[in-house]
Amino acid sequence: MIFKLKLSQQTNNIFKALDHRMGLKPYTLVKHAIAWSVRETQPLSPQDFETDSLGMELNRQTITGNYDVYFKAVIEQYEQRKLSEDEYFPRYVKAHIDRGAQILNAMMNHAGSLERYILKSLGVGDTV
């Protein structure tokens, strides 16, 4: 069983920029990225699984913590099928992080501030 994954270079750059701009660390950003990815109506594409692994290394505990079983259940529900452990981590988790990081970055850029991003992600207000 694999307990570590490496982010893509693009995701790594997005996370570094968001940390610098908003003060959010990768262990927080990966959770947001997964959440935004599984909200998408389009399934993961083959390209979502073909990203590089040139970014920072994160371990499974950092990404899912004590909620690993819930993350797996959400991703399985999204995929509408049972995933083996090897499929789930790192394959599907990494694909959702990489895709979600792009969505997260666009939302943060559009919001302009952490406070506005939070309000928008909660569905509060229409100013974002």
N, C-alpha and C. Protein backbone atom coordinates (compact mmCIF):
# COMPACT_ATOMS: atom_id res chain seq x y z
N MET A 1 0.84 -1.18 0.00
CA MET A 1 0.00 0.00 0.00
C MET A 1 0.89 1.24 0.00
N ILE A 2 0.53 2.21 -0.82
CA ILE A 2 1.30 3.44 -0.95
C ILE A 2 0.73 4.49 -0.01
N PHE A 3 1.60 5.21 0.69
CA PHE A 3 1.17 6.21 1.64
C PHE A 3 1.63 7.62 1.29
N LYS A 4 2.26 7.79 0.12
CA LYS A 4 2.73 9.11 -0.29
C LYS A 4 2.40 9.34 -1.75
N LEU A 5 2.24 10.61 -2.11
CA LEU A 5 2.08 10.97 -3.50
C LEU A 5 2.82 12.27 -3.74
N LYS A 6 3.16 12.52 -4.99
CA LYS A 6 3.83 13.76 -5.35
C LYS A 6 2.89 14.57 -6.23
N LEU A 7 2.72 15.82 -5.85
CA LEU A 7 1.88 16.72 -6.63
C LEU A 7 2.51 17.00 -7.98
N SER A 8 1.70 17.45 -8.92
CA SER A 8 2.26 17.89 -10.19
C SER A 8 2.96 19.23 -9.96
N GLN A 9 3.85 19.58 -10.87
CA GLN A 9 4.55 20.86 -10.78
C GLN A 9 3.55 22.02 -10.82
N GLN A 10 2.54 21.91 -11.68
CA GLN A 10 1.53 22.97 -11.79
C GLN A 10 0.77 23.14 -10.47
N THR A 11 0.34 22.03 -9.87
CA THR A 11 -0.35 22.09 -8.59
C THR A 11 0.56 22.65 -7.52
N ASN A 12 1.80 22.22 -7.51
CA ASN A 12 2.78 22.72 -6.56
C ASN A 12 2.91 24.25 -6.68
N ASN A 13 2.99 24.75 -7.91
CA ASN A 13 3.10 26.20 -8.12
C ASN A 13 1.85 26.93 -7.66
N ILE A 14 0.68 26.35 -7.92
CA ILE A 14 -0.57 26.96 -7.47
C ILE A 14 -0.59 27.04 -5.95
N PHE A 15 -0.23 25.95 -5.29
CA PHE A 15 -0.25 25.92 -3.84
C PHE A 15 0.76 26.91 -3.23
N LYS A 16 1.93 27.01 -3.83
CA LYS A 16 2.93 27.98 -3.34
C LYS A 16 2.39 29.40 -3.47
N ALA A 17 1.78 29.70 -4.61
CA ALA A 17 1.23 31.05 -4.82
C ALA A 17 0.10 31.35 -3.84
N LEU A 18 -0.78 30.38 -3.61
CA LEU A 18 -1.88 30.59 -2.68
C LEU A 18 -1.38 30.71 -1.24
N ASP A 19 -0.36 29.97 -0.90
CA ASP A 19 0.24 30.10 0.42
C ASP A 19 0.82 31.50 0.59
N HIS A 20 1.54 31.96 -0.41
CA HIS A 20 2.16 33.29 -0.34
C HIS A 20 1.09 34.39 -0.26
N ARG A 21 0.07 34.26 -1.08
CA ARG A 21 -0.95 35.30 -1.17
C ARG A 21 -1.99 35.25 -0.05
N MET A 22 -2.39 34.04 0.34
CA MET A 22 -3.50 33.91 1.28
C MET A 22 -3.10 33.25 2.60
N GLY A 23 -1.88 32.73 2.66
CA GLY A 23 -1.42 32.09 3.89
C GLY A 23 -2.00 30.71 4.14
N LEU A 24 -2.42 30.03 3.07
CA LEU A 24 -2.98 28.68 3.21
C LEU A 24 -1.93 27.64 2.86
N LYS A 25 -1.77 26.68 3.72
CA LYS A 25 -0.74 25.65 3.56
C LYS A 25 -1.26 24.48 2.72
N PRO A 26 -0.35 23.71 2.13
CA PRO A 26 -0.76 22.58 1.29
C PRO A 26 -1.71 21.59 1.97
N TYR A 27 -1.52 21.34 3.27
CA TYR A 27 -2.39 20.39 3.95
C TYR A 27 -3.84 20.87 4.02
N THR A 28 -4.05 22.17 3.89
CA THR A 28 -5.40 22.73 3.80
C THR A 28 -5.86 22.76 2.35
N LEU A 29 -4.98 23.19 1.47
CA LEU A 29 -5.34 23.35 0.07
C LEU A 29 -5.71 22.04 -0.61
N VAL A 30 -5.06 20.93 -0.25
CA VAL A 30 -5.40 19.65 -0.89
C VAL A 30 -6.84 19.26 -0.60
N LYS A 31 -7.32 19.54 0.58
CA LYS A 31 -8.70 19.21 0.95
C LYS A 31 -9.68 20.05 0.15
N HIS A 32 -9.38 21.34 -0.01
CA HIS A 32 -10.23 22.21 -0.83
C HIS A 32 -10.21 21.74 -2.29
N ALA A 33 -9.04 21.40 -2.78
CA ALA A 33 -8.91 20.96 -4.18
C ALA A 33 -9.75 19.71 -4.43
N ILE A 34 -9.67 18.73 -3.55
CA ILE A 34 -10.47 17.52 -3.71
C ILE A 34 -11.96 17.87 -3.68
N ALA A 35 -12.35 18.71 -2.74
CA ALA A 35 -13.76 19.09 -2.63
C ALA A 35 -14.27 19.75 -3.91
N TRP A 36 -13.48 20.66 -4.48
CA TRP A 36 -13.92 21.33 -5.70
C TRP A 36 -13.95 20.36 -6.87
N SER A 37 -13.01 19.44 -6.93
CA SER A 37 -12.98 18.49 -8.03
C SER A 37 -14.20 17.58 -8.02
N VAL A 38 -14.60 17.09 -6.85
CA VAL A 38 -15.74 16.17 -6.80
C VAL A 38 -17.08 16.90 -6.95
N ARG A 39 -17.05 18.21 -6.95
CA ARG A 39 -18.28 18.97 -7.24
C ARG A 39 -18.51 19.13 -8.74
N GLU A 40 -17.50 18.86 -9.53
CA GLU A 40 -17.61 18.99 -10.98
C GLU A 40 -18.58 17.95 -11.53
N THR A 41 -19.33 18.34 -12.54
CA THR A 41 -20.26 17.39 -13.16
C THR A 41 -19.55 16.51 -14.19
N GLN A 42 -18.45 17.00 -14.75
CA GLN A 42 -17.68 16.22 -15.71
C GLN A 42 -16.79 15.22 -14.98
N PRO A 43 -16.78 13.97 -15.44
CA PRO A 43 -15.88 13.00 -14.81
C PRO A 43 -14.42 13.34 -15.08
N LEU A 44 -13.55 12.74 -14.31
CA LEU A 44 -12.12 12.90 -14.58
C LEU A 44 -11.82 12.41 -15.99
N SER A 45 -10.95 13.12 -16.67
CA SER A 45 -10.58 12.72 -18.02
C SER A 45 -9.27 11.93 -17.96
N PRO A 46 -8.94 11.22 -19.02
CA PRO A 46 -7.65 10.51 -19.04
C PRO A 46 -6.47 11.45 -18.78
N GLN A 47 -6.56 12.69 -19.23
CA GLN A 47 -5.48 13.66 -19.01
C GLN A 47 -5.30 13.99 -17.52
N ASP A 48 -6.38 13.90 -16.75
CA ASP A 48 -6.28 14.17 -15.31
C ASP A 48 -5.38 13.15 -14.60
N PHE A 49 -5.19 11.99 -15.21
CA PHE A 49 -4.34 10.96 -14.62
C PHE A 49 -2.92 10.99 -15.18
N GLU A 50 -2.66 11.88 -16.12
CA GLU A 50 -1.36 11.91 -16.78
C GLU A 50 -0.51 13.11 -16.38
N THR A 51 -0.75 13.67 -15.23
CA THR A 51 0.05 14.80 -14.78
C THR A 51 1.40 14.31 -14.26
N ASP A 52 2.36 15.21 -14.24
CA ASP A 52 3.69 14.84 -13.75
C ASP A 52 3.68 14.69 -12.23
N SER A 53 4.78 14.27 -11.69
CA SER A 53 4.96 14.12 -10.24
C SER A 53 6.21 14.88 -9.82
N LEU A 54 6.32 16.11 -10.27
CA LEU A 54 7.51 16.92 -10.01
C LEU A 54 7.33 17.89 -8.84
N GLY A 55 6.17 17.87 -8.21
CA GLY A 55 5.90 18.77 -7.10
C GLY A 55 6.26 18.15 -5.76
N MET A 56 5.80 18.81 -4.70
CA MET A 56 6.12 18.35 -3.35
C MET A 56 5.45 17.02 -3.04
N GLU A 57 6.07 16.29 -2.14
CA GLU A 57 5.56 15.00 -1.71
C GLU A 57 4.71 15.20 -0.46
N LEU A 58 3.53 14.60 -0.46
CA LEU A 58 2.65 14.64 0.71
C LEU A 58 2.30 13.22 1.10
N ASN A 59 2.14 12.98 2.39
CA ASN A 59 1.73 11.65 2.80
C ASN A 59 0.22 11.60 2.98
N ARG A 60 -0.30 10.42 2.96
CA ARG A 60 -1.73 10.19 3.03
C ARG A 60 -2.35 10.83 4.27
N GLN A 61 -1.68 10.72 5.41
CA GLN A 61 -2.18 11.28 6.66
C GLN A 61 -2.33 12.80 6.55
N THR A 62 -1.41 13.46 5.87
CA THR A 62 -1.48 14.91 5.69
C THR A 62 -2.68 15.28 4.83
N ILE A 63 -2.97 14.47 3.85
CA ILE A 63 -4.05 14.78 2.91
C ILE A 63 -5.42 14.49 3.51
N THR A 64 -5.60 13.28 4.04
CA THR A 64 -6.94 12.89 4.49
C THR A 64 -7.09 12.79 6.00
N GLY A 65 -6.00 12.74 6.72
CA GLY A 65 -6.05 12.69 8.18
C GLY A 65 -6.89 11.53 8.69
N ASN A 66 -7.65 11.80 9.72
CA ASN A 66 -8.50 10.77 10.32
C ASN A 66 -9.76 10.51 9.50
N TYR A 67 -9.91 11.21 8.39
CA TYR A 67 -11.13 11.11 7.58
C TYR A 67 -10.91 10.37 6.27
N ASP A 68 -9.88 9.55 6.21
CA ASP A 68 -9.55 8.84 4.98
C ASP A 68 -10.73 8.02 4.46
N VAL A 69 -11.42 7.33 5.34
CA VAL A 69 -12.56 6.51 4.93
C VAL A 69 -13.65 7.37 4.29
N TYR A 70 -13.82 8.59 4.78
CA TYR A 70 -14.82 9.49 4.21
C TYR A 70 -14.38 10.03 2.85
N PHE A 71 -13.12 10.38 2.73
CA PHE A 71 -12.59 10.82 1.43
C PHE A 71 -12.77 9.71 0.40
N LYS A 72 -12.46 8.49 0.80
CA LYS A 72 -12.60 7.38 -0.14
C LYS A 72 -14.07 7.19 -0.53
N ALA A 73 -14.96 7.28 0.43
CA ALA A 73 -16.39 7.11 0.14
C ALA A 73 -16.89 8.20 -0.81
N VAL A 74 -16.45 9.42 -0.61
CA VAL A 74 -16.87 10.52 -1.49
C VAL A 74 -16.34 10.30 -2.91
N ILE A 75 -15.08 9.91 -3.02
CA ILE A 75 -14.51 9.68 -4.35
C ILE A 75 -15.16 8.48 -5.01
N GLU A 76 -15.45 7.43 -4.25
CA GLU A 76 -16.16 6.28 -4.83
C GLU A 76 -17.57 6.66 -5.28
N GLN A 77 -18.23 7.48 -4.51
CA GLN A 77 -19.56 7.93 -4.91
C GLN A 77 -19.47 8.75 -6.19
N TYR A 78 -18.47 9.61 -6.27
CA TYR A 78 -18.28 10.41 -7.47
C TYR A 78 -18.01 9.51 -8.68
N GLU A 79 -17.19 8.51 -8.49
CA GLU A 79 -16.84 7.59 -9.58
C GLU A 79 -17.93 6.55 -9.84
N GLN A 80 -18.87 6.44 -8.92
CA GLN A 80 -19.98 5.48 -9.01
C GLN A 80 -19.50 4.04 -9.11
N ARG A 81 -18.43 3.77 -8.35
CA ARG A 81 -17.93 2.40 -8.29
C ARG A 81 -16.98 2.26 -7.11
N LYS A 82 -16.79 1.04 -6.69
CA LYS A 82 -15.83 0.71 -5.63
C LYS A 82 -14.42 0.81 -6.19
N LEU A 83 -13.52 1.43 -5.45
CA LEU A 83 -12.13 1.57 -5.86
C LEU A 83 -11.25 0.71 -4.97
N SER A 84 -10.28 0.04 -5.56
CA SER A 84 -9.30 -0.68 -4.75
C SER A 84 -8.44 0.36 -4.03
N GLU A 85 -7.74 -0.06 -3.02
CA GLU A 85 -6.85 0.85 -2.29
C GLU A 85 -5.81 1.48 -3.22
N ASP A 86 -5.25 0.67 -4.13
CA ASP A 86 -4.23 1.18 -5.04
C ASP A 86 -4.80 2.18 -6.05
N GLU A 87 -6.06 2.00 -6.44
CA GLU A 87 -6.70 2.98 -7.33
C GLU A 87 -6.97 4.27 -6.57
N TYR A 88 -7.56 4.12 -5.39
CA TYR A 88 -7.94 5.29 -4.60
C TYR A 88 -6.73 6.16 -4.26
N PHE A 89 -5.73 5.55 -3.66
CA PHE A 89 -4.53 6.30 -3.27
C PHE A 89 -3.30 5.60 -3.81
N PRO A 90 -2.56 6.27 -4.63
CA PRO A 90 -2.58 7.69 -4.91
C PRO A 90 -3.32 8.11 -6.19
N ARG A 91 -3.70 7.17 -7.04
CA ARG A 91 -4.19 7.50 -8.38
C ARG A 91 -5.35 8.50 -8.40
N TYR A 92 -6.47 8.16 -7.78
CA TYR A 92 -7.64 9.03 -7.85
C TYR A 92 -7.48 10.27 -6.97
N VAL A 93 -6.88 10.12 -5.82
CA VAL A 93 -6.67 11.28 -4.95
C VAL A 93 -5.80 12.31 -5.67
N LYS A 94 -4.72 11.88 -6.29
CA LYS A 94 -3.84 12.81 -7.01
C LYS A 94 -4.57 13.47 -8.17
N ALA A 95 -5.34 12.70 -8.93
CA ALA A 95 -6.08 13.27 -10.06
C ALA A 95 -7.06 14.34 -9.58
N HIS A 96 -7.74 14.08 -8.48
CA HIS A 96 -8.69 15.08 -7.95
C HIS A 96 -7.96 16.30 -7.39
N ILE A 97 -6.82 16.09 -6.76
CA ILE A 97 -6.05 17.23 -6.25
C ILE A 97 -5.57 18.09 -7.42
N ASP A 98 -5.00 17.47 -8.43
CA ASP A 98 -4.47 18.24 -9.56
C ASP A 98 -5.57 18.99 -10.31
N ARG A 99 -6.70 18.34 -10.55
CA ARG A 99 -7.80 19.03 -11.23
C ARG A 99 -8.40 20.11 -10.32
N GLY A 100 -8.61 19.75 -9.07
CA GLY A 100 -9.20 20.69 -8.12
C GLY A 100 -8.34 21.90 -7.84
N ALA A 101 -7.03 21.75 -7.91
CA ALA A 101 -6.13 22.89 -7.68
C ALA A 101 -6.36 23.98 -8.72
N GLN A 102 -6.62 23.59 -9.95
CA GLN A 102 -6.89 24.58 -11.00
C GLN A 102 -8.21 25.30 -10.73
N ILE A 103 -9.22 24.57 -10.29
CA ILE A 103 -10.51 25.16 -9.96
C ILE A 103 -10.35 26.10 -8.76
N LEU A 104 -9.66 25.62 -7.74
CA LEU A 104 -9.41 26.41 -6.54
C LEU A 104 -8.67 27.69 -6.87
N ASN A 105 -7.65 27.59 -7.71
CA ASN A 105 -6.88 28.77 -8.09
C ASN A 105 -7.77 29.80 -8.79
N ALA A 106 -8.60 29.34 -9.71
CA ALA A 106 -9.51 30.26 -10.41
C ALA A 106 -10.48 30.92 -9.43
N MET A 107 -10.99 30.15 -8.50
CA MET A 107 -11.92 30.72 -7.52
C MET A 107 -11.24 31.74 -6.62
N MET A 108 -10.03 31.42 -6.17
CA MET A 108 -9.29 32.36 -5.31
C MET A 108 -8.96 33.63 -6.08
N ASN A 109 -8.55 33.47 -7.34
CA ASN A 109 -8.24 34.65 -8.14
C ASN A 109 -9.48 35.51 -8.35
N HIS A 110 -10.60 34.88 -8.59
CA HIS A 110 -11.85 35.61 -8.80
C HIS A 110 -12.31 36.29 -7.51
N ALA A 111 -12.17 35.59 -6.40
CA ALA A 111 -12.61 36.14 -5.11
C ALA A 111 -11.73 37.31 -4.67
N GLY A 112 -10.43 37.19 -4.88
CA GLY A 112 -9.52 38.27 -4.52
C GLY A 112 -9.07 38.29 -3.08
N SER A 113 -9.80 37.64 -2.20
CA SER A 113 -9.40 37.58 -0.80
C SER A 113 -9.90 36.28 -0.19
N LEU A 114 -9.26 35.87 0.87
CA LEU A 114 -9.66 34.65 1.55
C LEU A 114 -11.08 34.76 2.08
N GLU A 115 -11.42 35.90 2.63
CA GLU A 115 -12.75 36.09 3.18
C GLU A 115 -13.83 35.95 2.11
N ARG A 116 -13.62 36.55 0.96
CA ARG A 116 -14.59 36.46 -0.13
C ARG A 116 -14.66 35.04 -0.69
N TYR A 117 -13.53 34.37 -0.74
CA TYR A 117 -13.53 32.97 -1.19
C TYR A 117 -14.37 32.12 -0.25
N ILE A 118 -14.19 32.29 1.04
CA ILE A 118 -14.95 31.51 2.03
C ILE A 118 -16.44 31.78 1.88
N LEU A 119 -16.81 33.04 1.76
CA LEU A 119 -18.23 33.38 1.59
C LEU A 119 -18.79 32.76 0.33
N LYS A 120 -18.04 32.82 -0.75
CA LYS A 120 -18.49 32.24 -2.02
C LYS A 120 -18.61 30.72 -1.91
N SER A 121 -17.65 30.08 -1.28
CA SER A 121 -17.69 28.62 -1.17
C SER A 121 -18.85 28.18 -0.27
N LEU A 122 -19.27 29.05 0.63
CA LEU A 122 -20.42 28.74 1.50
C LEU A 122 -21.74 29.12 0.84
N GLY A 123 -21.66 29.79 -0.31
CA GLY A 123 -22.87 30.21 -1.01
C GLY A 123 -23.49 31.45 -0.41
N VAL A 124 -22.70 32.21 0.33
CA VAL A 124 -23.18 33.42 0.97
C VAL A 124 -22.80 34.62 0.12
N GLY A 125 -23.73 35.49 -0.14
CA GLY A 125 -23.44 36.70 -0.87
C GLY A 125 -23.28 36.45 -2.36
N ASP A 126 -23.45 37.49 -3.11
CA ASP A 126 -23.33 37.39 -4.57
C ASP A 126 -22.31 38.37 -5.10
N THR A 127 -21.40 38.81 -4.24
CA THR A 127 -20.41 39.79 -4.66
C THR A 127 -19.18 39.17 -5.28
N VAL A 128 -19.05 37.87 -5.22
CA VAL A 128 -17.86 37.22 -5.75
C VAL A 128 -18.15 36.66 -7.12
